[in-house]
Each structure stands twice: as C-alpha cells, then as structure tokens.
C-alpha cells in the first residue's frame, strides 16, 4: 500500500485497487470516485480476467477492498 500512496501523492497514476481499515468508513469516498468497494469479508473473482480460472481477491480481517478495472 505504501507504493500506492506514493503514486497518488506524486500524481503519476491513480490507484487501481487497495484496501482500507473498515473503521475508517471510506467506502462512500471511493464509490464517488468510480471504485467498486467490497463489503468486509467479501471477495471478487479476478481469476477469469487474469488467468481464465477462478481466483478470489479480498481484503484481510478488519479491512475492505476497493478496485477499478479499465
């Protein structure tokens, strides 16, 4: 995550995905900026996009995942 924040701070590229602590309640912020935000404990299948096989992607305990595909 440190690299994601560095990229945003340097304005080189917006993050495509990341995670935040659930208690920070940043879901509405990321949603307003065009990201999909998963509920705590929820996963999304990225395998078919990347490998053609099912692979679940989610955040760790106490965190939420946000992502945007181009």
PDB file of N, CA and C in Angstrom:
ATOM      1  N   UNK A   1       0.815  -1.193   0.000  1.00  0.00           N
ATOM      2  CA  UNK A   1       0.000   0.000   0.000  1.00  0.00           C
ATOM      3  C   UNK A   1       0.863   1.263   0.000  1.00  0.00           C
ATOM      4  N   UNK A   2       2.022   1.237   0.614  1.00  0.00           N
ATOM      5  CA  UNK A   2       2.869   2.426   0.641  1.00  0.00           C
ATOM      6  C   UNK A   2       3.163   2.895  -0.776  1.00  0.00           C
ATOM      7  N   UNK A   3       3.400   1.970  -1.706  1.00  0.00           N
ATOM      8  CA  UNK A   3       3.675   2.338  -3.092  1.00  0.00           C
ATOM      9  C   UNK A   3       2.466   2.976  -3.753  1.00  0.00           C
ATOM     10  N   UNK A   4       1.275   2.489  -3.432  1.00  0.00           N
ATOM     11  CA  UNK A   4       0.052   3.082  -3.987  1.00  0.00           C
ATOM     12  C   UNK A   4      -0.057   4.527  -3.545  1.00  0.00           C
ATOM     13  N   UNK A   5       0.139   4.802  -2.259  1.00  0.00           N
ATOM     14  CA  UNK A   5       0.037   6.165  -1.772  1.00  0.00           C
ATOM     15  C   UNK A   5       1.121   7.053  -2.374  1.00  0.00           C
ATOM     16  N   UNK A   6       2.315   6.523  -2.601  1.00  0.00           N
ATOM     17  CA  UNK A   6       3.383   7.297  -3.228  1.00  0.00           C
ATOM     18  C   UNK A   6       2.984   7.708  -4.639  1.00  0.00           C
ATOM     19  N   UNK A   7       2.412   6.788  -5.399  1.00  0.00           N
ATOM     20  CA  UNK A   7       1.984   7.104  -6.760  1.00  0.00           C
ATOM     21  C   UNK A   7       0.931   8.198  -6.768  1.00  0.00           C
ATOM     22  N   UNK A   8      -0.025   8.121  -5.858  1.00  0.00           N
ATOM     23  CA  UNK A   8      -1.075   9.134  -5.796  1.00  0.00           C
ATOM     24  C   UNK A   8      -0.472  10.473  -5.384  1.00  0.00           C
ATOM     25  N   UNK A   9       0.387  10.455  -4.385  1.00  0.00           N
ATOM     26  CA  UNK A   9       0.998  11.689  -3.910  1.00  0.00           C
ATOM     27  C   UNK A   9       1.838  12.347  -4.993  1.00  0.00           C
ATOM     28  N   UNK A  10       2.486  11.550  -5.823  1.00  0.00           N
ATOM     29  CA  UNK A  10       3.329  12.111  -6.879  1.00  0.00           C
ATOM     30  C   UNK A  10       2.523  12.415  -8.134  1.00  0.00           C
ATOM     31  N   UNK A  11       1.239  12.101  -8.128  1.00  0.00           N
ATOM     32  CA  UNK A  11       0.320  12.356  -9.250  1.00  0.00           C
ATOM     33  C   UNK A  11       0.726  11.638 -10.534  1.00  0.00           C
ATOM     34  N   UNK A  12       1.451  10.544 -10.399  1.00  0.00           N
ATOM     35  CA  UNK A  12       1.846   9.781 -11.587  1.00  0.00           C
ATOM     36  C   UNK A  12       0.713   8.889 -12.074  1.00  0.00           C
ATOM     37  N   UNK A  13      -0.059   8.328 -11.161  1.00  0.00           N
ATOM     38  CA  UNK A  13      -1.153   7.444 -11.557  1.00  0.00           C
ATOM     39  C   UNK A  13      -2.086   7.232 -10.366  1.00  0.00           C
ATOM     40  N   UNK A  14      -3.390   7.193 -10.606  1.00  0.00           N
ATOM     41  CA  UNK A  14      -4.304   6.866  -9.508  1.00  0.00           C
ATOM     42  C   UNK A  14      -4.228   5.378  -9.197  1.00  0.00           C
ATOM     43  N   UNK A  15      -4.544   4.982  -7.967  1.00  0.00           N
ATOM     44  CA  UNK A  15      -4.516   3.549  -7.656  1.00  0.00           C
ATOM     45  C   UNK A  15      -5.623   2.816  -8.395  1.00  0.00           C
ATOM     46  N   UNK A  16      -5.369   1.580  -8.772  1.00  0.00           N
ATOM     47  CA  UNK A  16      -6.409   0.749  -9.380  1.00  0.00           C
ATOM     48  C   UNK A  16      -7.105  -0.103  -8.334  1.00  0.00           C
ATOM     49  N   UNK A  17      -6.412  -0.354  -7.228  1.00  0.00           N
ATOM     50  CA  UNK A  17      -7.023  -1.102  -6.138  1.00  0.00           C
ATOM     51  C   UNK A  17      -6.241  -0.842  -4.863  1.00  0.00           C
ATOM     52  N   UNK A  18      -6.837  -1.241  -3.774  1.00  0.00           N
ATOM     53  CA  UNK A  18      -6.195  -1.081  -2.474  1.00  0.00           C
ATOM     54  C   UNK A  18      -7.153  -1.535  -1.395  1.00  0.00           C
ATOM     55  N   UNK A  19      -6.784  -1.272  -0.176  1.00  0.00           N
ATOM     56  CA  UNK A  19      -7.651  -1.626   0.936  1.00  0.00           C
ATOM     57  C   UNK A  19      -7.525  -0.575   2.015  1.00  0.00           C
ATOM     58  N   UNK A  20      -8.555  -0.498   2.846  1.00  0.00           N
ATOM     59  CA  UNK A  20      -8.557   0.448   3.945  1.00  0.00           C
ATOM     60  C   UNK A  20      -9.187  -0.206   5.160  1.00  0.00           C
ATOM     61  N   UNK A  21      -8.836   0.297   6.338  1.00  0.00           N
ATOM     62  CA  UNK A  21      -9.394  -0.231   7.584  1.00  0.00           C
ATOM     63  C   UNK A  21     -10.896   0.068   7.631  1.00  0.00           C
ATOM     64  N   UNK A  22     -11.694  -0.928   7.962  1.00  0.00           N
ATOM     65  CA  UNK A  22     -13.145  -0.805   7.974  1.00  0.00           C
ATOM     66  C   UNK A  22     -13.620   0.361   8.834  1.00  0.00           C
ATOM     67  N   UNK A  23     -12.976   0.575   9.979  1.00  0.00           N
ATOM     68  CA  UNK A  23     -13.435   1.643  10.880  1.00  0.00           C
ATOM     69  C   UNK A  23     -13.242   3.043  10.298  1.00  0.00           C
ATOM     70  N   UNK A  24     -12.458   3.178   9.248  1.00  0.00           N
ATOM     71  CA  UNK A  24     -12.274   4.489   8.609  1.00  0.00           C
ATOM     72  C   UNK A  24     -13.473   4.877   7.751  1.00  0.00           C
ATOM     73  N   UNK A  25     -14.313   3.912   7.380  1.00  0.00           N
ATOM     74  CA  UNK A  25     -15.556   4.159   6.632  1.00  0.00           C
ATOM     75  C   UNK A  25     -15.330   4.990   5.358  1.00  0.00           C
ATOM     76  N   UNK A  26     -14.356   4.556   4.554  1.00  0.00           N
ATOM     77  CA  UNK A  26     -14.022   5.263   3.318  1.00  0.00           C
ATOM     78  C   UNK A  26     -14.785   4.750   2.095  1.00  0.00           C
ATOM     79  N   UNK A  27     -15.674   3.776   2.270  1.00  0.00           N
ATOM     80  CA  UNK A  27     -16.429   3.225   1.143  1.00  0.00           C
ATOM     81  C   UNK A  27     -17.133   4.274   0.300  1.00  0.00           C
ATOM     82  N   UNK A  28     -17.913   5.192   0.904  1.00  0.00           N
ATOM     83  CA  UNK A  28     -18.578   6.214   0.095  1.00  0.00           C
ATOM     84  C   UNK A  28     -17.615   7.104  -0.690  1.00  0.00           C
ATOM     85  N   UNK A  29     -16.468   7.412  -0.111  1.00  0.00           N
ATOM     86  CA  UNK A  29     -15.468   8.226  -0.810  1.00  0.00           C
ATOM     87  C   UNK A  29     -14.992   7.527  -2.081  1.00  0.00           C
ATOM     88  N   UNK A  30     -14.583   6.257  -1.956  1.00  0.00           N
ATOM     89  CA  UNK A  30     -14.088   5.535  -3.122  1.00  0.00           C
ATOM     90  C   UNK A  30     -15.200   5.279  -4.137  1.00  0.00           C
ATOM     91  N   UNK A  31     -16.408   5.044  -3.679  1.00  0.00           N
ATOM     92  CA  UNK A  31     -17.539   4.849  -4.594  1.00  0.00           C
ATOM     93  C   UNK A  31     -17.774   6.112  -5.425  1.00  0.00           C
ATOM     94  N   UNK A  32     -17.730   7.285  -4.790  1.00  0.00           N
ATOM     95  CA  UNK A  32     -17.908   8.559  -5.509  1.00  0.00           C
ATOM     96  C   UNK A  32     -16.838   8.765  -6.577  1.00  0.00           C
ATOM     97  N   UNK A  33     -15.680   8.184  -6.387  1.00  0.00           N
ATOM     98  CA  UNK A  33     -14.588   8.345  -7.342  1.00  0.00           C
ATOM     99  C   UNK A  33     -14.495   7.197  -8.342  1.00  0.00           C
ATOM    100  N   UNK A  34     -15.568   6.424  -8.461  1.00  0.00           N
ATOM    101  CA  UNK A  34     -15.655   5.408  -9.508  1.00  0.00           C
ATOM    102  C   UNK A  34     -15.127   4.032  -9.173  1.00  0.00           C
ATOM    103  N   UNK A  35     -14.831   3.779  -7.904  1.00  0.00           N
ATOM    104  CA  UNK A  35     -14.333   2.465  -7.496  1.00  0.00           C
ATOM    105  C   UNK A  35     -15.481   1.578  -7.043  1.00  0.00           C
ATOM    106  N   UNK A  36     -15.297   0.289  -7.180  1.00  0.00           N
ATOM    107  CA  UNK A  36     -16.179  -0.692  -6.545  1.00  0.00           C
ATOM    108  C   UNK A  36     -15.582  -0.981  -5.178  1.00  0.00           C
ATOM    109  N   UNK A  37     -16.424  -1.015  -4.158  1.00  0.00           N
ATOM    110  CA  UNK A  37     -15.963  -1.255  -2.791  1.00  0.00           C
ATOM    111  C   UNK A  37     -16.648  -2.513  -2.277  1.00  0.00           C
ATOM    112  N   UNK A  38     -15.860  -3.487  -1.855  1.00  0.00           N
ATOM    113  CA  UNK A  38     -16.413  -4.728  -1.327  1.00  0.00           C
ATOM    114  C   UNK A  38     -16.751  -4.576   0.150  1.00  0.00           C
ATOM    115  N   UNK A  39     -17.790  -5.254   0.570  1.00  0.00           N
ATOM    116  CA  UNK A  39     -18.148  -5.291   1.985  1.00  0.00           C
ATOM    117  C   UNK A  39     -17.068  -6.058   2.751  1.00  0.00           C
ATOM    118  N   UNK A  40     -16.931  -5.794   4.058  1.00  0.00           N
ATOM    119  CA  UNK A  40     -15.936  -6.545   4.836  1.00  0.00           C
ATOM    120  C   UNK A  40     -16.137  -8.053   4.670  1.00  0.00           C
ATOM    121  N   UNK A  41     -15.078  -8.757   4.394  1.00  0.00           N
ATOM    122  CA  UNK A  41     -15.136 -10.202   4.217  1.00  0.00           C
ATOM    123  C   UNK A  41     -15.542 -10.667   2.835  1.00  0.00           C
ATOM    124  N   UNK A  42     -15.992  -9.775   1.976  1.00  0.00           N
ATOM    125  CA  UNK A  42     -16.428 -10.135   0.627  1.00  0.00           C
ATOM    126  C   UNK A  42     -15.225 -10.254  -0.299  1.00  0.00           C
ATOM    127  N   UNK A  43     -15.322 -11.131  -1.295  1.00  0.00           N
ATOM    128  CA  UNK A  43     -14.276 -11.273  -2.311  1.00  0.00           C
ATOM    129  C   UNK A  43     -14.871 -11.058  -3.692  1.00  0.00           C
ATOM    130  N   UNK A  44     -14.008 -10.811  -4.650  1.00  0.00           N
ATOM    131  CA  UNK A  44     -14.424 -10.725  -6.046  1.00  0.00           C
ATOM    132  C   UNK A  44     -13.553 -11.691  -6.845  1.00  0.00           C
ATOM    133  N   UNK A  45     -14.099 -12.216  -7.912  1.00  0.00           N
ATOM    134  CA  UNK A  45     -13.360 -13.179  -8.733  1.00  0.00           C
ATOM    135  C   UNK A  45     -12.557 -12.432  -9.782  1.00  0.00           C
ATOM    136  N   UNK A  46     -11.248 -12.503  -9.696  1.00  0.00           N
ATOM    137  CA  UNK A  46     -10.372 -11.877 -10.686  1.00  0.00           C
ATOM    138  C   UNK A  46      -9.691 -12.914 -11.564  1.00  0.00           C
ATOM    139  N   UNK A  47      -9.896 -14.162 -11.272  1.00  0.00           N
ATOM    140  CA  UNK A  47      -9.199 -15.217 -11.989  1.00  0.00           C
ATOM    141  C   UNK A  47      -9.495 -15.279 -13.457  1.00  0.00           C
ATOM    142  N   UNK A  48     -10.769 -15.153 -13.826  1.00  0.00           N
ATOM    143  CA  UNK A  48     -11.101 -15.264 -15.245  1.00  0.00           C
ATOM    144  C   UNK A  48     -10.516 -14.107 -16.033  1.00  0.00           C
ATOM    145  N   UNK A  49     -10.403 -12.950 -15.409  1.00  0.00           N
ATOM    146  CA  UNK A  49      -9.788 -11.808 -16.079  1.00  0.00           C
ATOM    147  C   UNK A  49      -8.294 -12.054 -16.276  1.00  0.00           C
ATOM    148  N   UNK A  50      -7.644 -12.582 -15.253  1.00  0.00           N
ATOM    149  CA  UNK A  50      -6.188 -12.731 -15.289  1.00  0.00           C
ATOM    150  C   UNK A  50      -5.704 -14.054 -15.852  1.00  0.00           C
ATOM    151  N   UNK A  51      -6.393 -15.163 -15.500  1.00  0.00           N
ATOM    152  CA  UNK A  51      -5.859 -16.481 -15.850  1.00  0.00           C
ATOM    153  C   UNK A  51      -6.860 -17.416 -16.510  1.00  0.00           C
ATOM    154  N   UNK A  52      -8.137 -17.039 -16.522  1.00  0.00           N
ATOM    155  CA  UNK A  52      -9.148 -17.939 -17.051  1.00  0.00           C
ATOM    156  C   UNK A  52      -9.610 -18.971 -16.033  1.00  0.00           C
ATOM    157  N   UNK A  53      -9.123 -18.856 -14.795  1.00  0.00           N
ATOM    158  CA  UNK A  53      -9.507 -19.769 -13.710  1.00  0.00           C
ATOM    159  C   UNK A  53     -10.018 -18.933 -12.540  1.00  0.00           C
ATOM    160  N   UNK A  54     -10.907 -19.474 -11.712  1.00  0.00           N
ATOM    161  CA  UNK A  54     -11.435 -18.687 -10.590  1.00  0.00           C
ATOM    162  C   UNK A  54     -10.377 -18.420  -9.513  1.00  0.00           C
ATOM    163  N   UNK A  55     -10.210 -17.155  -9.167  1.00  0.00           N
ATOM    164  CA  UNK A  55      -9.314 -16.733  -8.091  1.00  0.00           C
ATOM    165  C   UNK A  55     -10.036 -15.615  -7.336  1.00  0.00           C
ATOM    166  N   UNK A  56     -10.243 -15.784  -6.039  1.00  0.00           N
ATOM    167  CA  UNK A  56     -10.912 -14.761  -5.237  1.00  0.00           C
ATOM    168  C   UNK A  56      -9.917 -13.738  -4.718  1.00  0.00           C
ATOM    169  N   UNK A  57     -10.302 -12.471  -4.750  1.00  0.00           N
ATOM    170  CA  UNK A  57      -9.474 -11.390  -4.234  1.00  0.00           C
ATOM    171  C   UNK A  57     -10.295 -10.619  -3.211  1.00  0.00           C
ATOM    172  N   UNK A  58      -9.740 -10.392  -2.037  1.00  0.00           N
ATOM    173  CA  UNK A  58     -10.425  -9.650  -0.991  1.00  0.00           C
ATOM    174  C   UNK A  58      -9.412  -9.076  -0.023  1.00  0.00           C
ATOM    175  N   UNK A  59      -9.901  -8.314   0.943  1.00  0.00           N
ATOM    176  CA  UNK A  59      -9.033  -7.698   1.952  1.00  0.00           C
ATOM    177  C   UNK A  59      -8.938  -8.598   3.170  1.00  0.00           C
ATOM    178  N   UNK A  60      -7.949  -8.309   3.990  1.00  0.00           N
ATOM    179  CA  UNK A  60      -7.761  -9.063   5.220  1.00  0.00           C
ATOM    180  C   UNK A  60      -8.788  -8.699   6.282  1.00  0.00           C
ATOM    181  N   UNK A  61      -8.747  -9.361   7.427  1.00  0.00           N
ATOM    182  CA  UNK A  61      -9.682  -9.084   8.511  1.00  0.00           C
ATOM    183  C   UNK A  61      -9.625  -7.611   8.934  1.00  0.00           C
ATOM    184  N   UNK A  62     -10.799  -7.004   9.096  1.00  0.00           N
ATOM    185  CA  UNK A  62     -10.873  -5.608   9.511  1.00  0.00           C
ATOM    186  C   UNK A  62     -10.578  -4.607   8.410  1.00  0.00           C
ATOM    187  N   UNK A  63     -10.520  -5.080   7.160  1.00  0.00           N
ATOM    188  CA  UNK A  63     -10.231  -4.192   6.042  1.00  0.00           C
ATOM    189  C   UNK A  63     -11.242  -4.407   4.925  1.00  0.00           C
ATOM    190  N   UNK A  64     -11.332  -3.425   4.021  1.00  0.00           N
ATOM    191  CA  UNK A  64     -12.204  -3.515   2.842  1.00  0.00           C
ATOM    192  C   UNK A  64     -11.367  -3.250   1.609  1.00  0.00           C
ATOM    193  N   UNK A  65     -11.704  -3.930   0.543  1.00  0.00           N
ATOM    194  CA  UNK A  65     -11.003  -3.799  -0.726  1.00  0.00           C
ATOM    195  C   UNK A  65     -11.764  -2.827  -1.623  1.00  0.00           C
ATOM    196  N   UNK A  66     -11.023  -1.979  -2.343  1.00  0.00           N
ATOM    197  CA  UNK A  66     -11.626  -1.157  -3.397  1.00  0.00           C
ATOM    198  C   UNK A  66     -10.845  -1.415  -4.670  1.00  0.00           C
ATOM    199  N   UNK A  67     -11.535  -1.337  -5.819  1.00  0.00           N
ATOM    200  CA  UNK A  67     -10.863  -1.584  -7.099  1.00  0.00           C
ATOM    201  C   UNK A  67     -11.594  -0.889  -8.226  1.00  0.00           C
ATOM    202  N   UNK A  68     -10.871  -0.701  -9.309  1.00  0.00           N
ATOM    203  CA  UNK A  68     -11.448  -0.155 -10.546  1.00  0.00           C
ATOM    204  C   UNK A  68     -10.703  -0.804 -11.701  1.00  0.00           C
ATOM    205  N   UNK A  69     -11.440  -1.437 -12.609  1.00  0.00           N
ATOM    206  CA  UNK A  69     -10.835  -2.071 -13.776  1.00  0.00           C
ATOM    207  C   UNK A  69     -10.972  -1.125 -14.954  1.00  0.00           C
ATOM    208  N   UNK A  70      -9.962  -1.094 -15.785  1.00  0.00           N
ATOM    209  CA  UNK A  70     -10.029  -0.290 -17.024  1.00  0.00           C
ATOM    210  C   UNK A  70     -10.175  -1.189 -18.195  1.00  0.00           C
TER     211      UNK A  70
END
